[in-house]
Amino acid sequence: MDQKLQVAGTQSQLEMGSLASNESSHEFEDESLFSPESVIQKMQLGHISDYGSAPGGSKMWKNVVYKSIKTVIFSNKLNVLIAFGPLTILVHILTGHNGLVFFLSLLGIIPLAERLGYATEQLAMYTGPTVGGLLNATFGNATELIIAIYALRNGMIRVVQLSLLGSILSNMLLVLGCAFFCGGLVFYRKEQVFNKASAIVNSGLLLMAVMGLLFPAVLHFTHTEVHYGKSELALSRFSSCIMLGVYAAYLFFQLKSRKDPYVPLSEDDSQNRENEGDNDETPEIGKWESVIWLLIMTAWISVLSEYLVDAIEGTSHAWNIPIAFIGVILLPIVGNAAEHAGAIMFAMKDKLDISLGVAIGSSTQISMFGIPFCVVVGWIMGKPMDLNFQLFETATLFITVIVVAFFLQEGSSNYFKGLMLILCYVIVAASFFVHEDPPPEEKSLTP
């Protein structure tokens, strides 16, 4: 009788072990390392990092590379525009037409920016929420920062300022407006709701960024500097260090002090969204594949950004378009391609908290991290990059933050609110189309 019980217990343990192995392919790796079935199964799934030296490894690597390229490159119709990248280099070598080079490089960067965001999301699934949040903070606006650093290296400080300012305006008005509009059309019979607490925190950070940009501009145009030409730059660098410190504290607050920055108010909704998140968080490519794709996309964006920046001034003259319009409107639309698509997709799935995090969170990253970071980089390069964005640009940002904060205070959205935000962006675009920077001589006049 005891022997029968032992046999039955052994069989139940074996059944439980087989169920556990089916649920988690990475448990008990040491015991299953020499199991041919588990090795073959992991090879089919593309997890080859632990089996690089296995027999037939070259064929296995080819299969994984083919699968990775198929998933990353050929799974998105937008990637058809990748072909414009090599075409940009070819046109630059053969013709040197700045307008055409600028246009082709814009088209070539759009899918790369979207795929960069995709690779970051895939890698974040392996690293966990803390490191994943830092990755999103670093690579979420990588396209804008790469373009800004290339422009800063060439001494095009106004292009840097305008492109970063345009990224904030684009995310707050165009991206968020399209998310509200599309989500409101899909769920037109009800008002979509989001967590007001996170929206208020981000609005406060944006107002702090406006304050950091406002004081250097006011100091310059009121001619109240103690040391003219030096106090403004010193204040900008000091404020930038403070803003970077605040952004670091904000990341710590979001990642450590709170379990989920965008938790809905009701517990039932919270549980439903957690279940939806668990179902959605299934990586499509491996961890090291994500790292490699991040490096490839970043390097290719850097190459095209150099051609893009070099062609800006020539494009302005060839197309008779102000540089302010190019920097504030055209460049950010390209850099925000990933955020734009993601925010609309989540809003149409009634996940407005995530859409708000994408749009407003990206604006917070640029204002509290991207702009101060460029000031510090310019400090290191010996470039006089400051926070004086001129009165017209600073006033535009201030009004935009106030308008968006007013729309977010109720904690709900509909398609009409989205339409108003989109039309506000149209007004901003028209304003910069007829706006032109004063000559450098007028900016440097002594009081």
Protein backbone atom coordinates (compact mmCIF):
# COMPACT_ATOMS: atom_id res chain seq x y z
CA MET A 1 0.00 0.00 0.00
CA ASP A 2 2.84 2.39 0.87
CA GLN A 3 4.58 1.59 -2.40
CA LYS A 4 1.41 2.41 -4.35
CA LEU A 5 1.13 5.71 -2.52
CA GLN A 6 4.78 6.47 -3.28
CA VAL A 7 4.25 5.64 -6.98
CA ALA A 8 1.14 7.81 -7.11
CA GLY A 9 2.98 10.66 -5.39
CA THR A 10 5.87 10.36 -7.81
CA GLN A 11 3.49 10.47 -10.77
CA SER A 12 1.72 13.55 -9.41
CA GLN A 13 5.05 15.27 -8.86
CA LEU A 14 6.06 14.49 -12.44
CA GLU A 15 2.76 15.86 -13.73
CA MET A 16 3.15 19.02 -11.65
CA GLY A 17 6.73 19.42 -12.90
CA SER A 18 5.64 19.11 -16.52
CA LEU A 19 2.95 21.72 -16.00
CA ALA A 20 5.43 24.10 -14.37
CA SER A 21 7.89 23.64 -17.21
CA ASN A 22 5.17 24.46 -19.75
CA GLU A 23 4.22 27.65 -17.88
CA SER A 24 7.75 28.98 -17.53
CA SER A 25 10.39 27.97 -20.03
CA HIS A 26 13.15 29.66 -18.05
CA GLU A 27 12.63 27.83 -14.69
CA PHE A 28 15.06 25.11 -13.70
CA GLU A 29 17.45 25.93 -16.56
CA ASP A 30 20.26 23.91 -14.99
CA GLU A 31 18.18 20.72 -14.86
CA SER A 32 16.79 21.12 -18.39
CA LEU A 33 20.02 22.25 -19.99
CA PHE A 34 20.83 18.78 -21.27
CA SER A 35 17.27 17.90 -22.26
CA PRO A 36 17.07 17.66 -26.08
CA GLU A 37 13.38 18.57 -26.10
CA SER A 38 13.91 21.78 -24.14
CA VAL A 39 16.92 22.77 -26.27
CA ILE A 40 14.95 22.30 -29.50
CA GLN A 41 11.99 24.21 -28.08
CA LYS A 42 14.15 27.16 -27.06
CA MET A 43 15.87 27.14 -30.43
CA GLN A 44 12.50 27.43 -32.11
CA LEU A 45 11.54 30.35 -29.91
CA GLY A 46 14.71 32.19 -30.79
CA HIS A 47 16.25 32.19 -27.29
CA ILE A 48 19.72 31.24 -28.42
CA SER A 49 21.84 33.20 -25.99
CA ASP A 50 22.38 30.12 -23.81
CA TYR A 51 23.03 27.78 -26.74
CA GLY A 52 25.47 29.64 -28.93
CA SER A 53 27.92 26.72 -28.96
CA ALA A 54 25.38 24.01 -29.70
CA PRO A 55 25.80 21.86 -32.83
CA GLY A 56 24.25 23.46 -35.88
CA GLY A 57 24.59 26.87 -34.24
CA SER A 58 25.24 28.74 -37.49
CA LYS A 59 21.95 27.59 -38.98
CA MET A 60 20.19 28.44 -35.76
CA TRP A 61 21.70 31.95 -35.77
CA LYS A 62 20.54 32.45 -39.36
CA ASN A 63 17.01 31.46 -38.42
CA VAL A 64 16.99 33.84 -35.46
CA VAL A 65 18.41 36.72 -37.52
CA TYR A 66 15.81 36.10 -40.21
CA LYS A 67 13.02 35.98 -37.63
CA SER A 68 14.28 39.16 -35.93
CA ILE A 69 14.51 41.10 -39.20
CA LYS A 70 11.06 39.88 -40.21
CA THR A 71 9.60 40.98 -36.86
CA VAL A 72 11.28 44.38 -36.62
CA ILE A 73 11.49 45.48 -40.26
CA PHE A 74 8.75 43.73 -42.21
CA SER A 75 5.98 43.71 -39.58
CA ASN A 76 5.23 47.43 -39.94
CA LYS A 77 4.05 49.04 -43.17
CA LEU A 78 5.59 52.35 -42.11
CA ASN A 79 9.04 50.79 -42.57
CA VAL A 80 8.67 51.22 -46.33
CA LEU A 81 10.02 54.73 -45.67
CA ILE A 82 13.36 53.30 -44.50
CA ALA A 83 14.43 53.20 -48.14
CA PHE A 84 14.51 57.00 -48.16
CA GLY A 85 17.53 56.90 -45.83
CA PRO A 86 20.04 55.54 -48.37
CA LEU A 87 18.32 57.66 -51.03
CA THR A 88 19.13 60.76 -48.96
CA ILE A 89 22.85 60.00 -49.06
CA LEU A 90 22.69 59.25 -52.79
CA VAL A 91 20.87 62.53 -53.58
CA HIS A 92 23.32 64.49 -51.41
CA ILE A 93 26.30 63.03 -53.29
CA LEU A 94 24.82 63.42 -56.79
CA THR A 95 22.91 66.71 -56.60
CA GLY A 96 23.53 68.39 -53.24
CA HIS A 97 20.02 69.89 -53.36
CA ASN A 98 19.38 70.95 -49.76
CA GLY A 99 15.59 70.98 -50.00
CA LEU A 100 15.40 67.48 -51.43
CA VAL A 101 17.98 66.13 -48.98
CA PHE A 102 16.05 67.63 -46.07
CA PHE A 103 12.75 66.17 -47.25
CA LEU A 104 14.15 62.69 -47.88
CA SER A 105 16.00 62.60 -44.56
CA LEU A 106 12.76 63.59 -42.79
CA LEU A 107 10.95 60.67 -44.42
CA GLY A 108 13.83 58.31 -43.63
CA ILE A 109 13.93 59.21 -39.93
CA ILE A 110 10.17 58.71 -39.32
CA PRO A 111 10.19 54.85 -39.33
CA LEU A 112 13.52 54.77 -37.47
CA ALA A 113 12.05 56.85 -34.64
CA GLU A 114 9.07 54.51 -34.42
CA ARG A 115 11.23 51.38 -34.44
CA LEU A 116 13.52 52.92 -31.79
CA GLY A 117 10.52 53.23 -29.49
CA TYR A 118 9.51 49.66 -30.32
CA ALA A 119 12.95 48.25 -29.45
CA THR A 120 12.95 50.22 -26.19
CA GLU A 121 9.57 48.76 -25.20
CA GLN A 122 10.78 45.24 -26.01
CA LEU A 123 13.92 45.66 -23.89
CA ALA A 124 11.90 47.15 -21.01
CA MET A 125 9.93 43.89 -20.78
CA TYR A 126 13.14 42.05 -19.82
CA THR A 127 14.69 44.65 -17.52
CA GLY A 128 11.70 45.27 -15.26
CA PRO A 129 9.78 48.46 -14.48
CA THR A 130 12.62 50.41 -12.83
CA VAL A 131 15.25 50.00 -15.53
CA GLY A 132 12.50 50.06 -18.16
CA GLY A 133 11.40 53.48 -16.99
CA LEU A 134 14.96 54.76 -17.22
CA LEU A 135 15.27 53.31 -20.73
CA ASN A 136 12.08 55.04 -21.81
CA ALA A 137 13.36 58.29 -20.32
CA THR A 138 16.63 57.91 -22.22
CA PHE A 139 15.49 56.60 -25.59
CA GLY A 140 11.93 57.96 -25.66
CA ASN A 141 13.13 61.25 -27.13
CA ALA A 142 16.43 60.01 -28.54
CA THR A 143 15.65 61.30 -32.05
CA GLU A 144 15.14 64.89 -30.87
CA LEU A 145 18.26 64.77 -28.69
CA ILE A 146 20.43 63.37 -31.50
CA ILE A 147 19.27 66.10 -33.88
CA ALA A 148 19.82 68.72 -31.16
CA ILE A 149 23.36 67.55 -30.37
CA TYR A 150 24.36 67.59 -34.05
CA ALA A 151 22.95 71.10 -34.41
CA LEU A 152 24.69 72.19 -31.22
CA ARG A 153 28.00 70.84 -32.48
CA ASN A 154 27.56 72.97 -35.62
CA GLY A 155 26.85 76.06 -33.51
CA MET A 156 23.16 76.20 -34.54
CA ILE A 157 21.88 77.09 -31.07
CA ARG A 158 18.58 78.53 -32.29
CA VAL A 159 17.81 75.31 -34.17
CA VAL A 160 18.41 73.37 -30.96
CA GLN A 161 16.13 75.64 -28.97
CA LEU A 162 13.38 75.67 -31.58
CA SER A 163 13.40 71.90 -32.16
CA LEU A 164 13.18 71.12 -28.44
CA LEU A 165 10.47 73.73 -27.94
CA GLY A 166 8.58 72.32 -30.92
CA SER A 167 8.79 68.82 -29.47
CA ILE A 168 7.06 70.01 -26.30
CA LEU A 169 4.36 71.86 -28.23
CA SER A 170 3.82 68.92 -30.59
CA ASN A 171 3.38 66.41 -27.78
CA MET A 172 1.10 68.61 -25.69
CA LEU A 173 -1.17 69.84 -28.47
CA LEU A 174 -0.95 67.58 -31.54
CA VAL A 175 -0.21 64.16 -30.00
CA LEU A 176 -2.52 64.59 -27.00
CA GLY A 177 -5.17 66.24 -29.16
CA CYS A 178 -5.17 63.39 -31.69
CA ALA A 179 -5.36 60.85 -28.83
CA PHE A 180 -8.37 62.62 -27.29
CA PHE A 181 -10.01 63.05 -30.70
CA CYS A 182 -9.59 59.46 -31.92
CA GLY A 183 -10.45 57.96 -28.54
CA GLY A 184 -13.52 60.19 -28.32
CA LEU A 185 -14.70 59.08 -31.76
CA VAL A 186 -14.37 55.39 -30.88
CA PHE A 187 -16.08 55.85 -27.49
CA TYR A 188 -18.36 58.73 -28.49
CA ARG A 189 -21.17 57.63 -26.18
CA LYS A 190 -19.14 58.18 -23.03
CA GLU A 191 -16.41 60.40 -21.64
CA GLN A 192 -13.05 58.73 -21.27
CA VAL A 193 -11.45 59.25 -17.87
CA PHE A 194 -7.85 59.30 -16.65
CA ASN A 195 -6.06 59.78 -13.35
CA LYS A 196 -5.90 63.47 -12.49
CA ALA A 197 -3.11 63.05 -9.91
CA SER A 198 -0.42 62.14 -12.46
CA ALA A 199 -1.63 64.83 -14.84
CA ILE A 200 -1.31 67.46 -12.10
CA VAL A 201 2.24 66.33 -11.25
CA ASN A 202 3.32 66.58 -14.89
CA SER A 203 1.60 69.94 -15.29
CA GLY A 204 3.54 71.22 -12.29
CA LEU A 205 6.82 70.06 -13.80
CA LEU A 206 5.97 71.76 -17.09
CA LEU A 207 5.20 75.01 -15.27
CA MET A 208 8.54 74.73 -13.50
CA ALA A 209 10.22 74.30 -16.89
CA VAL A 210 8.44 77.43 -18.14
CA MET A 211 9.76 79.29 -15.10
CA GLY A 212 13.29 78.12 -15.91
CA LEU A 213 12.93 79.43 -19.48
CA LEU A 214 11.14 82.63 -18.53
CA PHE A 215 13.65 84.21 -16.15
CA PRO A 216 16.67 84.22 -18.54
CA ALA A 217 14.48 85.76 -21.27
CA VAL A 218 13.10 88.43 -18.94
CA LEU A 219 16.59 89.11 -17.58
CA HIS A 220 17.89 89.64 -21.11
CA PHE A 221 15.10 91.83 -22.47
CA THR A 222 14.81 94.03 -19.36
CA HIS A 223 18.59 94.68 -19.45
CA THR A 224 18.90 93.98 -15.72
CA GLU A 225 21.89 91.64 -15.82
CA VAL A 226 24.68 92.31 -13.34
CA HIS A 227 27.25 91.23 -15.93
CA TYR A 228 25.73 91.75 -19.37
CA GLY A 229 26.16 88.68 -21.58
CA LYS A 230 27.40 86.52 -18.69
CA SER A 231 24.71 86.52 -16.01
CA GLU A 232 22.12 85.15 -18.42
CA LEU A 233 24.32 82.20 -19.40
CA ALA A 234 25.34 81.53 -15.78
CA LEU A 235 21.69 81.57 -14.66
CA SER A 236 20.78 79.17 -17.48
CA ARG A 237 23.46 76.68 -16.50
CA PHE A 238 22.56 76.89 -12.81
CA SER A 239 18.85 76.44 -13.54
CA SER A 240 19.61 73.51 -15.86
CA CYS A 241 21.46 71.67 -13.09
CA ILE A 242 18.51 72.26 -10.75
CA MET A 243 16.06 70.99 -13.38
CA LEU A 244 18.10 67.84 -13.98
CA GLY A 245 18.11 67.20 -10.24
CA VAL A 246 14.35 67.67 -10.08
CA TYR A 247 13.86 65.29 -12.99
CA ALA A 248 16.01 62.66 -11.25
CA ALA A 249 13.86 63.06 -8.11
CA TYR A 250 10.75 62.75 -10.29
CA LEU A 251 12.00 59.47 -11.77
CA PHE A 252 12.75 58.16 -8.29
CA PHE A 253 9.27 59.19 -7.15
CA GLN A 254 7.58 57.48 -10.09
CA LEU A 255 9.66 54.30 -10.11
CA LYS A 256 10.30 53.70 -6.41
CA SER A 257 7.69 55.52 -4.36
CA ARG A 258 4.72 54.45 -6.49
CA LYS A 259 3.88 51.06 -7.95
CA ASP A 260 2.19 52.46 -11.05
CA PRO A 261 2.30 56.14 -12.05
CA TYR A 262 -0.98 55.82 -13.95
CA VAL A 263 -3.28 53.84 -11.66
CA PRO A 264 -6.99 54.59 -12.19
CA LEU A 265 -9.00 55.77 -9.23
CA SER A 266 -11.21 52.70 -8.80
CA GLU A 267 -9.73 49.39 -7.67
CA ASP A 268 -11.80 47.43 -10.19
CA ASP A 269 -10.38 49.43 -13.08
CA SER A 270 -6.92 49.01 -11.60
CA GLN A 271 -7.22 45.25 -11.52
CA ASN A 272 -8.60 45.15 -15.05
CA ARG A 273 -5.77 47.29 -16.38
CA GLU A 274 -3.19 45.16 -14.57
CA ASN A 275 -4.66 42.06 -16.19
CA GLU A 276 -4.64 43.76 -19.58
CA GLY A 277 -1.03 44.79 -19.05
CA ASP A 278 -0.06 41.22 -18.18
CA ASN A 279 -1.68 39.97 -21.38
CA ASP A 280 -0.04 42.63 -23.52
CA GLU A 281 3.48 42.33 -22.09
CA THR A 282 4.72 39.51 -24.29
CA PRO A 283 8.11 40.25 -25.88
CA GLU A 284 8.34 39.60 -29.59
CA ILE A 285 12.15 39.63 -29.80
CA GLY A 286 14.92 38.60 -27.43
CA LYS A 287 16.76 40.82 -24.96
CA TRP A 288 20.04 40.99 -26.87
CA GLU A 289 18.17 41.40 -30.12
CA SER A 290 16.53 44.51 -28.64
CA VAL A 291 19.92 45.89 -27.60
CA ILE A 292 21.39 45.31 -31.06
CA TRP A 293 18.40 46.94 -32.77
CA LEU A 294 18.66 49.92 -30.42
CA LEU A 295 22.29 50.42 -31.42
CA ILE A 296 21.51 50.01 -35.14
CA MET A 297 18.57 52.43 -35.09
CA THR A 298 20.45 55.02 -33.02
CA ALA A 299 23.48 54.88 -35.34
CA TRP A 300 21.34 55.20 -38.48
CA ILE A 301 19.35 58.10 -36.99
CA SER A 302 22.66 59.81 -36.16
CA VAL A 303 23.82 59.51 -39.78
CA LEU A 304 20.59 60.90 -41.22
CA SER A 305 20.43 63.64 -38.55
CA GLU A 306 23.76 65.00 -39.76
CA TYR A 307 22.43 65.36 -43.32
CA LEU A 308 19.19 66.82 -41.95
CA VAL A 309 20.89 69.49 -39.85
CA ASP A 310 23.31 70.48 -42.60
CA ALA A 311 20.41 71.03 -45.02
CA ILE A 312 18.21 73.17 -42.73
CA GLU A 313 19.52 76.60 -43.71
CA GLY A 314 19.62 75.76 -47.42
CA THR A 315 16.07 74.40 -47.21
CA SER A 316 14.88 77.60 -45.53
CA HIS A 317 16.19 79.66 -48.45
CA ALA A 318 15.13 77.20 -51.17
CA TRP A 319 11.56 76.79 -49.91
CA ASN A 320 11.23 80.33 -48.52
CA ILE A 321 10.19 78.94 -45.12
CA PRO A 322 11.38 80.47 -41.82
CA ILE A 323 13.85 78.41 -39.84
CA ALA A 324 11.53 78.85 -36.84
CA PHE A 325 8.77 76.94 -38.68
CA ILE A 326 11.18 74.16 -39.67
CA GLY A 327 12.51 73.80 -36.13
CA VAL A 328 9.22 74.09 -34.24
CA ILE A 329 6.83 72.29 -36.60
CA LEU A 330 8.57 70.00 -39.12
CA LEU A 331 11.37 68.46 -37.04
CA PRO A 332 9.24 67.55 -33.98
CA ILE A 333 6.59 65.84 -36.10
CA VAL A 334 9.30 63.44 -37.28
CA GLY A 335 10.77 62.91 -33.83
CA ASN A 336 7.36 62.33 -32.25
CA ALA A 337 6.22 59.73 -34.79
CA ALA A 338 6.46 56.89 -32.26
CA GLU A 339 4.69 58.84 -29.50
CA HIS A 340 1.99 59.97 -31.94
CA ALA A 341 1.13 56.47 -33.11
CA GLY A 342 1.34 54.96 -29.62
CA ALA A 343 -0.84 57.58 -27.94
CA ILE A 344 -3.59 57.23 -30.56
CA MET A 345 -3.47 53.42 -30.39
CA PHE A 346 -3.85 53.35 -26.60
CA ALA A 347 -6.62 55.96 -26.64
CA MET A 348 -8.60 53.91 -29.13
CA LYS A 349 -8.29 50.95 -26.73
CA ASP A 350 -9.67 53.09 -23.87
CA LYS A 351 -6.28 53.18 -22.14
CA LEU A 352 -6.19 56.92 -21.81
CA ASP A 353 -3.87 56.88 -18.80
CA ILE A 354 -1.14 55.38 -20.97
CA SER A 355 -1.83 57.87 -23.77
CA LEU A 356 -1.52 60.71 -21.28
CA GLY A 357 1.73 59.25 -20.02
CA VAL A 358 3.10 59.05 -23.55
CA ALA A 359 2.16 62.60 -24.60
CA ILE A 360 2.57 64.59 -21.37
CA GLY A 361 5.38 62.35 -20.10
CA SER A 362 7.37 62.97 -23.27
CA SER A 363 6.87 66.74 -22.90
CA THR A 364 8.10 66.48 -19.32
CA GLN A 365 11.18 64.57 -20.44
CA ILE A 366 12.10 67.19 -23.02
CA SER A 367 11.42 70.19 -20.78
CA MET A 368 13.04 68.86 -17.59
CA PHE A 369 15.73 66.62 -19.10
CA GLY A 370 16.29 67.32 -22.81
CA ILE A 371 16.65 71.11 -22.65
CA PRO A 372 18.84 71.20 -19.50
CA PHE A 373 20.91 68.32 -20.87
CA CYS A 374 21.64 70.27 -24.06
CA VAL A 375 22.66 73.30 -21.96
CA VAL A 376 25.12 71.14 -20.02
CA VAL A 377 26.42 69.51 -23.22
CA GLY A 378 26.88 72.95 -24.76
CA TRP A 379 28.73 73.99 -21.60
CA ILE A 380 31.09 71.05 -22.10
CA MET A 381 31.51 71.84 -25.83
CA GLY A 382 32.14 75.51 -25.11
CA LYS A 383 28.92 76.56 -26.89
CA PRO A 384 26.82 79.38 -25.32
CA MET A 385 23.63 77.34 -25.18
CA ASP A 386 21.25 79.01 -22.72
CA LEU A 387 17.61 78.98 -21.63
CA ASN A 388 16.76 82.27 -23.30
CA PHE A 389 14.27 81.02 -25.90
CA GLN A 390 13.21 84.60 -26.77
CA LEU A 391 9.93 86.20 -25.68
CA PHE A 392 7.75 84.93 -28.55
CA GLU A 393 8.72 81.28 -28.04
CA THR A 394 8.58 81.44 -24.24
CA ALA A 395 5.15 83.10 -24.31
CA THR A 396 3.89 80.40 -26.69
CA LEU A 397 5.08 77.64 -24.35
CA PHE A 398 3.59 79.36 -21.30
CA ILE A 399 0.15 79.74 -22.92
CA THR A 400 0.26 76.14 -24.17
CA VAL A 401 1.00 74.74 -20.70
CA ILE A 402 -1.84 76.77 -19.20
CA VAL A 403 -4.31 75.61 -21.89
CA VAL A 404 -3.38 71.93 -21.53
CA ALA A 405 -3.46 72.10 -17.73
CA PHE A 406 -6.97 73.58 -17.99
CA PHE A 407 -8.09 70.69 -20.22
CA LEU A 408 -6.63 68.09 -17.85
CA GLN A 409 -8.09 69.41 -14.60
CA GLU A 410 -11.42 67.56 -14.98
CA GLY A 411 -9.82 64.15 -15.48
CA SER A 412 -11.94 63.34 -18.53
CA SER A 413 -11.73 63.76 -22.29
CA ASN A 414 -13.87 63.62 -25.43
CA TYR A 415 -13.40 64.20 -29.13
CA PHE A 416 -14.31 67.89 -28.84
CA LYS A 417 -11.44 68.55 -26.42
CA GLY A 418 -9.12 66.74 -28.79
CA LEU A 419 -10.33 68.82 -31.72
CA MET A 420 -9.69 72.04 -29.79
CA LEU A 421 -6.14 70.97 -28.93
CA ILE A 422 -5.45 70.12 -32.59
CA LEU A 423 -6.77 73.50 -33.71
CA CYS A 424 -4.62 75.20 -31.08
CA TYR A 425 -1.62 73.48 -32.66
CA VAL A 426 -2.72 74.75 -36.09
CA ILE A 427 -2.74 78.30 -34.69
CA VAL A 428 0.76 77.78 -33.24
CA ALA A 429 2.01 76.43 -36.59
CA ALA A 430 0.56 79.41 -38.45
CA SER A 431 2.16 81.79 -35.94
CA PHE A 432 5.62 80.33 -36.48
CA PHE A 433 5.12 80.33 -40.24
CA VAL A 434 4.93 84.13 -40.17
CA HIS A 435 7.49 84.54 -37.36
CA GLU A 436 11.14 85.27 -38.03
CA ASP A 437 14.02 85.58 -35.59
CA PRO A 438 15.58 89.04 -35.25
CA PRO A 439 19.11 89.37 -36.63
CA PRO A 440 21.92 88.35 -34.25
CA GLU A 441 23.13 91.95 -34.14
CA GLU A 442 19.89 93.05 -32.48
CA LYS A 443 20.21 90.38 -29.80
CA SER A 444 23.68 91.42 -28.74
CA LEU A 445 23.09 95.18 -28.46
CA THR A 446 24.38 96.65 -25.24
CA PRO A 447 21.91 98.57 -23.10
